[in-house]
Amino acid sequence: MSVRRLEHIGIVVDDLAAATAFFAALGLEVEGETTVAGELVDRINGLESVRAEIVILRTPDGNAKLELARYHSPAYEGENRPAPANAPGIRHILFVVDDINATLAALRAHGGELVGELVNYENSYWLCYVRGPAGTIVELAEKIS
């Protein structure tokens, strides 16, 4: 038994339009949009009366996808603070980009904020963390040639 592929990474957001615009500015393409609800969705989520809007985005090469979800019900009543980069759990997703400065500018125009600094990592990559929708940390990497 083995994994065949990673299909997508899911991110729950409060503002689906803004999150979609943020990841589109990064270069991802909208593959589809839908609304999900009903008994099967409730059972999968372990929640009652689920109703959510979903947007699927894919990388330009078609090899990776993000699922953005905005739950309309039930309401989330926990803390809504972004976790720091060292908190347990999924903390970031990395995208290799052609021009890190242009990508940073595009993401800043959609609310992205540097978590730390843009650094030259051992003359191999330019790297940085950007906080995006729902506090998600997006790592950007540009290969130094």
N, C-alpha and C. Protein backbone atom coordinates (compact mmCIF):
# COMPACT_ATOMS: atom_id res chain seq x y z
N MET A 1 0.85 -1.17 0.00
CA MET A 1 0.00 0.00 0.00
C MET A 1 0.90 1.23 0.00
N SER A 2 0.58 2.21 -0.86
CA SER A 2 1.34 3.45 -0.89
C SER A 2 0.45 4.59 -1.38
N VAL A 3 0.88 5.78 -1.09
CA VAL A 3 0.17 6.97 -1.55
C VAL A 3 0.40 7.12 -3.04
N ARG A 4 -0.63 7.44 -3.77
CA ARG A 4 -0.49 7.65 -5.21
C ARG A 4 -0.12 9.09 -5.54
N ARG A 5 -0.68 10.05 -4.80
CA ARG A 5 -0.37 11.47 -5.01
C ARG A 5 -1.02 12.30 -3.92
N LEU A 6 -0.56 13.50 -3.75
CA LEU A 6 -1.21 14.48 -2.89
C LEU A 6 -2.20 15.23 -3.77
N GLU A 7 -3.48 15.13 -3.49
CA GLU A 7 -4.52 15.74 -4.33
C GLU A 7 -4.63 17.24 -4.09
N HIS A 8 -4.80 17.62 -2.82
CA HIS A 8 -4.91 19.05 -2.52
C HIS A 8 -4.65 19.29 -1.04
N ILE A 9 -4.45 20.56 -0.74
CA ILE A 9 -4.34 21.03 0.65
C ILE A 9 -5.54 21.93 0.88
N GLY A 10 -6.25 21.71 1.98
CA GLY A 10 -7.44 22.50 2.29
C GLY A 10 -7.14 23.60 3.28
N ILE A 11 -7.69 24.78 3.00
CA ILE A 11 -7.53 25.93 3.89
C ILE A 11 -8.92 26.52 4.13
N VAL A 12 -9.32 26.63 5.39
CA VAL A 12 -10.60 27.25 5.74
C VAL A 12 -10.35 28.75 5.91
N VAL A 13 -11.18 29.56 5.27
CA VAL A 13 -11.01 31.01 5.29
C VAL A 13 -12.32 31.69 5.66
N ASP A 14 -12.21 32.94 6.11
CA ASP A 14 -13.40 33.74 6.40
C ASP A 14 -13.89 34.49 5.17
N ASP A 15 -12.97 34.92 4.33
CA ASP A 15 -13.31 35.72 3.16
C ASP A 15 -12.84 34.96 1.91
N LEU A 16 -13.74 34.23 1.29
CA LEU A 16 -13.39 33.37 0.17
C LEU A 16 -12.91 34.18 -1.03
N ALA A 17 -13.54 35.29 -1.31
CA ALA A 17 -13.14 36.11 -2.46
C ALA A 17 -11.73 36.66 -2.27
N ALA A 18 -11.44 37.18 -1.07
CA ALA A 18 -10.10 37.73 -0.81
C ALA A 18 -9.04 36.64 -0.86
N ALA A 19 -9.33 35.46 -0.30
CA ALA A 19 -8.37 34.36 -0.32
C ALA A 19 -8.13 33.89 -1.75
N THR A 20 -9.18 33.81 -2.54
CA THR A 20 -9.04 33.41 -3.94
C THR A 20 -8.18 34.42 -4.69
N ALA A 21 -8.40 35.71 -4.46
CA ALA A 21 -7.60 36.76 -5.11
C ALA A 21 -6.14 36.67 -4.69
N PHE A 22 -5.88 36.39 -3.41
CA PHE A 22 -4.50 36.27 -2.91
C PHE A 22 -3.76 35.16 -3.65
N PHE A 23 -4.37 33.98 -3.72
CA PHE A 23 -3.69 32.86 -4.36
C PHE A 23 -3.65 33.01 -5.88
N ALA A 24 -4.62 33.70 -6.47
CA ALA A 24 -4.56 34.00 -7.90
C ALA A 24 -3.40 34.96 -8.18
N ALA A 25 -3.16 35.91 -7.27
CA ALA A 25 -2.02 36.83 -7.42
C ALA A 25 -0.69 36.07 -7.37
N LEU A 26 -0.69 34.96 -6.68
CA LEU A 26 0.50 34.11 -6.61
C LEU A 26 0.70 33.32 -7.91
N GLY A 27 -0.36 33.22 -8.71
CA GLY A 27 -0.27 32.52 -9.99
C GLY A 27 -1.12 31.27 -10.09
N LEU A 28 -1.84 30.92 -9.01
CA LEU A 28 -2.72 29.77 -9.08
C LEU A 28 -3.95 30.11 -9.92
N GLU A 29 -4.53 29.09 -10.54
CA GLU A 29 -5.67 29.28 -11.43
C GLU A 29 -6.90 28.59 -10.84
N VAL A 30 -8.04 29.28 -10.90
CA VAL A 30 -9.28 28.69 -10.40
C VAL A 30 -9.68 27.54 -11.31
N GLU A 31 -9.85 26.36 -10.70
CA GLU A 31 -10.27 25.18 -11.45
C GLU A 31 -11.78 24.98 -11.35
N GLY A 32 -12.35 25.36 -10.20
CA GLY A 32 -13.78 25.18 -10.04
C GLY A 32 -14.27 25.74 -8.72
N GLU A 33 -15.58 25.93 -8.65
CA GLU A 33 -16.24 26.45 -7.46
C GLU A 33 -17.52 25.67 -7.25
N THR A 34 -17.87 25.45 -5.97
CA THR A 34 -19.11 24.74 -5.67
C THR A 34 -19.55 25.06 -4.26
N THR A 35 -20.77 24.66 -3.94
CA THR A 35 -21.28 24.71 -2.58
C THR A 35 -21.55 23.27 -2.16
N VAL A 36 -21.18 22.94 -0.92
CA VAL A 36 -21.42 21.60 -0.40
C VAL A 36 -22.30 21.66 0.83
N ALA A 37 -23.18 20.66 0.95
CA ALA A 37 -24.09 20.56 2.10
C ALA A 37 -24.70 19.18 2.08
N GLY A 38 -25.38 18.84 3.16
CA GLY A 38 -26.11 17.58 3.19
C GLY A 38 -25.52 16.57 4.16
N GLU A 39 -26.23 15.45 4.28
CA GLU A 39 -25.88 14.43 5.26
C GLU A 39 -24.46 13.88 5.07
N LEU A 40 -24.07 13.60 3.83
CA LEU A 40 -22.74 13.05 3.60
C LEU A 40 -21.65 14.05 3.99
N VAL A 41 -21.87 15.31 3.68
CA VAL A 41 -20.90 16.36 4.05
C VAL A 41 -20.83 16.48 5.57
N ASP A 42 -21.98 16.42 6.23
CA ASP A 42 -22.01 16.45 7.70
C ASP A 42 -21.19 15.28 8.27
N ARG A 43 -21.39 14.10 7.72
CA ARG A 43 -20.70 12.91 8.23
C ARG A 43 -19.20 12.98 7.99
N ILE A 44 -18.79 13.46 6.83
CA ILE A 44 -17.36 13.59 6.54
C ILE A 44 -16.70 14.58 7.50
N ASN A 45 -17.37 15.71 7.75
CA ASN A 45 -16.81 16.77 8.60
C ASN A 45 -16.99 16.51 10.09
N GLY A 46 -17.87 15.57 10.45
CA GLY A 46 -18.16 15.35 11.86
C GLY A 46 -18.87 16.53 12.50
N LEU A 47 -19.66 17.24 11.70
CA LEU A 47 -20.41 18.42 12.13
C LEU A 47 -21.85 18.27 11.65
N GLU A 48 -22.73 19.12 12.20
CA GLU A 48 -24.13 19.09 11.77
C GLU A 48 -24.47 20.34 10.99
N SER A 49 -25.32 20.18 10.00
CA SER A 49 -25.83 21.28 9.18
C SER A 49 -24.73 22.05 8.47
N VAL A 50 -23.78 21.33 7.90
CA VAL A 50 -22.69 21.98 7.18
C VAL A 50 -23.20 22.57 5.88
N ARG A 51 -22.78 23.78 5.62
CA ARG A 51 -22.97 24.43 4.32
C ARG A 51 -21.72 25.25 4.09
N ALA A 52 -21.00 24.94 3.01
CA ALA A 52 -19.73 25.61 2.73
C ALA A 52 -19.58 25.88 1.25
N GLU A 53 -18.91 26.97 0.94
CA GLU A 53 -18.52 27.28 -0.43
C GLU A 53 -17.08 26.83 -0.59
N ILE A 54 -16.77 26.25 -1.75
CA ILE A 54 -15.45 25.72 -2.02
C ILE A 54 -14.93 26.30 -3.32
N VAL A 55 -13.66 26.68 -3.33
CA VAL A 55 -12.95 27.07 -4.55
C VAL A 55 -11.71 26.20 -4.64
N ILE A 56 -11.51 25.56 -5.78
CA ILE A 56 -10.31 24.76 -6.04
C ILE A 56 -9.42 25.57 -6.97
N LEU A 57 -8.16 25.73 -6.55
CA LEU A 57 -7.16 26.40 -7.38
C LEU A 57 -6.04 25.42 -7.67
N ARG A 58 -5.42 25.56 -8.83
CA ARG A 58 -4.32 24.67 -9.19
C ARG A 58 -3.10 25.49 -9.59
N THR A 59 -1.95 24.89 -9.41
CA THR A 59 -0.71 25.52 -9.86
C THR A 59 -0.68 25.50 -11.39
N PRO A 60 0.06 26.42 -12.01
CA PRO A 60 0.10 26.46 -13.47
C PRO A 60 0.53 25.14 -14.12
N ASP A 61 1.38 24.36 -13.44
CA ASP A 61 1.80 23.08 -14.01
C ASP A 61 0.76 21.98 -13.83
N GLY A 62 -0.29 22.26 -13.06
CA GLY A 62 -1.37 21.30 -12.85
C GLY A 62 -1.06 20.20 -11.85
N ASN A 63 0.09 20.26 -11.18
CA ASN A 63 0.49 19.18 -10.28
C ASN A 63 0.07 19.36 -8.83
N ALA A 64 -0.41 20.52 -8.45
CA ALA A 64 -0.79 20.76 -7.05
C ALA A 64 -2.06 21.61 -7.02
N LYS A 65 -2.87 21.37 -5.97
CA LYS A 65 -4.12 22.12 -5.84
C LYS A 65 -4.31 22.58 -4.40
N LEU A 66 -5.05 23.68 -4.26
CA LEU A 66 -5.52 24.17 -2.97
C LEU A 66 -7.03 24.15 -2.99
N GLU A 67 -7.62 23.76 -1.86
CA GLU A 67 -9.06 23.85 -1.69
C GLU A 67 -9.30 24.93 -0.64
N LEU A 68 -9.93 26.01 -1.04
CA LEU A 68 -10.32 27.06 -0.11
C LEU A 68 -11.77 26.83 0.26
N ALA A 69 -12.07 26.85 1.55
CA ALA A 69 -13.44 26.60 2.01
C ALA A 69 -13.89 27.72 2.93
N ARG A 70 -15.10 28.19 2.71
CA ARG A 70 -15.74 29.17 3.58
C ARG A 70 -16.99 28.50 4.13
N TYR A 71 -16.96 28.18 5.45
CA TYR A 71 -18.10 27.53 6.10
C TYR A 71 -19.11 28.59 6.50
N HIS A 72 -20.33 28.44 6.01
CA HIS A 72 -21.41 29.33 6.42
C HIS A 72 -22.11 28.77 7.65
N SER A 73 -22.12 27.45 7.77
CA SER A 73 -22.65 26.81 8.97
C SER A 73 -21.99 25.45 9.12
N PRO A 74 -21.83 24.99 10.33
CA PRO A 74 -22.06 25.73 11.56
C PRO A 74 -20.97 26.78 11.78
N ALA A 75 -21.27 27.75 12.62
CA ALA A 75 -20.32 28.82 12.92
C ALA A 75 -19.16 28.27 13.76
N TYR A 76 -17.96 28.77 13.49
CA TYR A 76 -16.78 28.41 14.28
C TYR A 76 -16.71 29.36 15.46
N GLU A 77 -16.53 28.81 16.66
CA GLU A 77 -16.55 29.64 17.85
C GLU A 77 -15.25 29.60 18.63
N GLY A 78 -14.18 29.15 18.01
CA GLY A 78 -12.88 29.10 18.67
C GLY A 78 -12.11 30.39 18.45
N GLU A 79 -10.85 30.37 18.92
CA GLU A 79 -9.98 31.52 18.71
C GLU A 79 -9.65 31.66 17.24
N ASN A 80 -9.46 32.88 16.81
CA ASN A 80 -9.19 33.13 15.41
C ASN A 80 -7.88 33.88 15.22
N ARG A 81 -6.89 33.57 16.08
CA ARG A 81 -5.59 34.23 15.99
C ARG A 81 -4.66 33.41 15.09
N PRO A 82 -3.88 34.08 14.24
CA PRO A 82 -2.90 33.33 13.46
C PRO A 82 -1.84 32.70 14.37
N ALA A 83 -1.51 31.45 14.10
CA ALA A 83 -0.49 30.76 14.88
C ALA A 83 0.90 31.19 14.41
N PRO A 84 1.87 31.24 15.32
CA PRO A 84 3.24 31.57 14.91
C PRO A 84 3.86 30.43 14.10
N ALA A 85 4.99 30.72 13.47
CA ALA A 85 5.63 29.75 12.58
C ALA A 85 6.09 28.48 13.29
N ASN A 86 6.21 28.51 14.63
CA ASN A 86 6.70 27.33 15.36
C ASN A 86 5.59 26.55 16.07
N ALA A 87 4.32 26.89 15.83
CA ALA A 87 3.20 26.18 16.46
C ALA A 87 3.03 24.80 15.82
N PRO A 88 2.67 23.78 16.61
CA PRO A 88 2.45 22.45 16.03
C PRO A 88 1.32 22.47 15.01
N GLY A 89 1.43 21.58 14.05
CA GLY A 89 0.42 21.48 12.99
C GLY A 89 0.98 21.95 11.67
N ILE A 90 0.14 22.00 10.65
CA ILE A 90 0.59 22.48 9.35
C ILE A 90 0.81 23.98 9.47
N ARG A 91 2.02 24.42 9.23
CA ARG A 91 2.36 25.83 9.42
C ARG A 91 2.58 26.57 8.13
N HIS A 92 3.05 25.91 7.09
CA HIS A 92 3.25 26.65 5.85
C HIS A 92 3.20 25.73 4.64
N ILE A 93 2.98 26.37 3.50
CA ILE A 93 3.09 25.68 2.22
C ILE A 93 4.08 26.48 1.38
N LEU A 94 4.91 25.79 0.62
CA LEU A 94 5.97 26.44 -0.13
C LEU A 94 5.65 26.43 -1.62
N PHE A 95 5.88 27.60 -2.24
CA PHE A 95 5.75 27.73 -3.69
C PHE A 95 7.08 28.22 -4.24
N VAL A 96 7.58 27.55 -5.26
CA VAL A 96 8.76 28.01 -5.97
C VAL A 96 8.28 29.02 -7.01
N VAL A 97 8.91 30.20 -7.03
CA VAL A 97 8.49 31.28 -7.92
C VAL A 97 9.67 31.71 -8.80
N ASP A 98 9.35 32.39 -9.90
CA ASP A 98 10.39 32.88 -10.81
C ASP A 98 11.00 34.19 -10.32
N ASP A 99 10.17 35.07 -9.75
CA ASP A 99 10.62 36.40 -9.33
C ASP A 99 10.02 36.70 -7.96
N ILE A 100 10.81 36.49 -6.93
CA ILE A 100 10.29 36.59 -5.56
C ILE A 100 9.87 38.02 -5.21
N ASN A 101 10.60 39.02 -5.72
CA ASN A 101 10.23 40.40 -5.41
C ASN A 101 8.91 40.79 -6.06
N ALA A 102 8.69 40.39 -7.30
CA ALA A 102 7.42 40.68 -7.97
C ALA A 102 6.28 39.92 -7.29
N THR A 103 6.55 38.68 -6.87
CA THR A 103 5.54 37.89 -6.18
C THR A 103 5.18 38.52 -4.85
N LEU A 104 6.19 38.97 -4.10
CA LEU A 104 5.92 39.66 -2.83
C LEU A 104 5.06 40.90 -3.05
N ALA A 105 5.38 41.68 -4.06
CA ALA A 105 4.60 42.89 -4.34
C ALA A 105 3.15 42.53 -4.66
N ALA A 106 2.95 41.49 -5.45
CA ALA A 106 1.59 41.07 -5.80
C ALA A 106 0.82 40.59 -4.57
N LEU A 107 1.48 39.83 -3.70
CA LEU A 107 0.81 39.33 -2.50
C LEU A 107 0.53 40.45 -1.50
N ARG A 108 1.45 41.40 -1.38
CA ARG A 108 1.21 42.55 -0.49
C ARG A 108 -0.02 43.33 -0.93
N ALA A 109 -0.24 43.42 -2.23
CA ALA A 109 -1.42 44.13 -2.75
C ALA A 109 -2.72 43.42 -2.36
N HIS A 110 -2.60 42.16 -1.94
CA HIS A 110 -3.77 41.39 -1.51
C HIS A 110 -3.71 41.04 -0.03
N GLY A 111 -3.00 41.87 0.75
CA GLY A 111 -2.98 41.71 2.20
C GLY A 111 -1.87 40.84 2.74
N GLY A 112 -1.00 40.31 1.90
CA GLY A 112 0.11 39.49 2.38
C GLY A 112 1.12 40.32 3.15
N GLU A 113 1.63 39.76 4.24
CA GLU A 113 2.62 40.46 5.07
C GLU A 113 3.79 39.54 5.35
N LEU A 114 5.02 40.06 5.22
CA LEU A 114 6.19 39.27 5.57
C LEU A 114 6.13 38.88 7.03
N VAL A 115 6.44 37.63 7.33
CA VAL A 115 6.49 37.15 8.71
C VAL A 115 7.84 37.54 9.31
N GLY A 116 8.90 37.33 8.56
CA GLY A 116 10.26 37.67 8.98
C GLY A 116 10.88 38.55 7.91
N GLU A 117 11.93 38.03 7.29
CA GLU A 117 12.63 38.78 6.25
C GLU A 117 12.84 37.92 5.02
N LEU A 118 13.07 38.56 3.90
CA LEU A 118 13.51 37.90 2.68
C LEU A 118 15.01 37.68 2.83
N VAL A 119 15.47 36.43 2.75
CA VAL A 119 16.89 36.15 2.97
C VAL A 119 17.48 35.31 1.84
N ASN A 120 18.77 35.50 1.63
CA ASN A 120 19.55 34.66 0.74
C ASN A 120 20.00 33.48 1.57
N TYR A 121 19.44 32.31 1.28
CA TYR A 121 19.75 31.12 2.06
C TYR A 121 20.91 30.37 1.40
N GLU A 122 22.07 30.58 1.95
CA GLU A 122 23.30 29.90 1.54
C GLU A 122 23.55 29.95 0.04
N ASN A 123 23.27 31.10 -0.58
CA ASN A 123 23.45 31.31 -2.02
C ASN A 123 22.76 30.24 -2.86
N SER A 124 21.70 29.64 -2.31
CA SER A 124 20.96 28.61 -3.00
C SER A 124 19.56 29.10 -3.41
N TYR A 125 18.85 29.72 -2.45
CA TYR A 125 17.51 30.23 -2.68
C TYR A 125 17.31 31.55 -1.97
N TRP A 126 16.49 32.41 -2.55
CA TRP A 126 15.88 33.51 -1.81
C TRP A 126 14.65 32.91 -1.16
N LEU A 127 14.49 33.09 0.15
CA LEU A 127 13.37 32.51 0.89
C LEU A 127 12.71 33.56 1.77
N CYS A 128 11.40 33.42 1.94
CA CYS A 128 10.68 34.23 2.92
C CYS A 128 9.35 33.57 3.23
N TYR A 129 8.79 33.95 4.38
CA TYR A 129 7.45 33.56 4.77
C TYR A 129 6.54 34.78 4.62
N VAL A 130 5.36 34.55 4.05
CA VAL A 130 4.34 35.59 3.91
C VAL A 130 3.08 35.07 4.58
N ARG A 131 2.50 35.89 5.46
CA ARG A 131 1.22 35.50 6.07
C ARG A 131 0.10 35.92 5.14
N GLY A 132 -0.74 34.94 4.80
CA GLY A 132 -1.82 35.18 3.87
C GLY A 132 -3.18 34.96 4.52
N PRO A 133 -4.17 34.54 3.71
CA PRO A 133 -5.53 34.38 4.21
C PRO A 133 -5.62 33.42 5.39
N ALA A 134 -6.46 33.77 6.35
CA ALA A 134 -6.72 32.95 7.54
C ALA A 134 -5.44 32.65 8.31
N GLY A 135 -4.43 33.52 8.17
CA GLY A 135 -3.18 33.35 8.91
C GLY A 135 -2.26 32.31 8.31
N THR A 136 -2.61 31.75 7.16
CA THR A 136 -1.77 30.74 6.52
C THR A 136 -0.43 31.33 6.15
N ILE A 137 0.65 30.60 6.45
CA ILE A 137 1.97 31.06 6.06
C ILE A 137 2.34 30.40 4.74
N VAL A 138 2.66 31.26 3.76
CA VAL A 138 3.09 30.81 2.45
C VAL A 138 4.58 31.10 2.36
N GLU A 139 5.38 30.06 2.14
CA GLU A 139 6.80 30.25 1.94
C GLU A 139 7.06 30.41 0.45
N LEU A 140 7.86 31.41 0.09
CA LEU A 140 8.24 31.64 -1.28
C LEU A 140 9.71 31.30 -1.43
N ALA A 141 10.06 30.67 -2.54
CA ALA A 141 11.45 30.29 -2.82
C ALA A 141 11.77 30.63 -4.27
N GLU A 142 12.87 31.35 -4.46
CA GLU A 142 13.37 31.62 -5.80
C GLU A 142 14.79 31.07 -5.87
N LYS A 143 15.04 30.16 -6.80
CA LYS A 143 16.36 29.56 -6.98
C LYS A 143 17.35 30.65 -7.42
N ILE A 144 18.50 30.68 -6.75
CA ILE A 144 19.56 31.61 -7.13
C ILE A 144 20.43 30.88 -8.14
N SER A 145 20.55 31.50 -9.34
CA SER A 145 21.35 30.81 -10.37
C SER A 145 22.77 31.29 -10.41
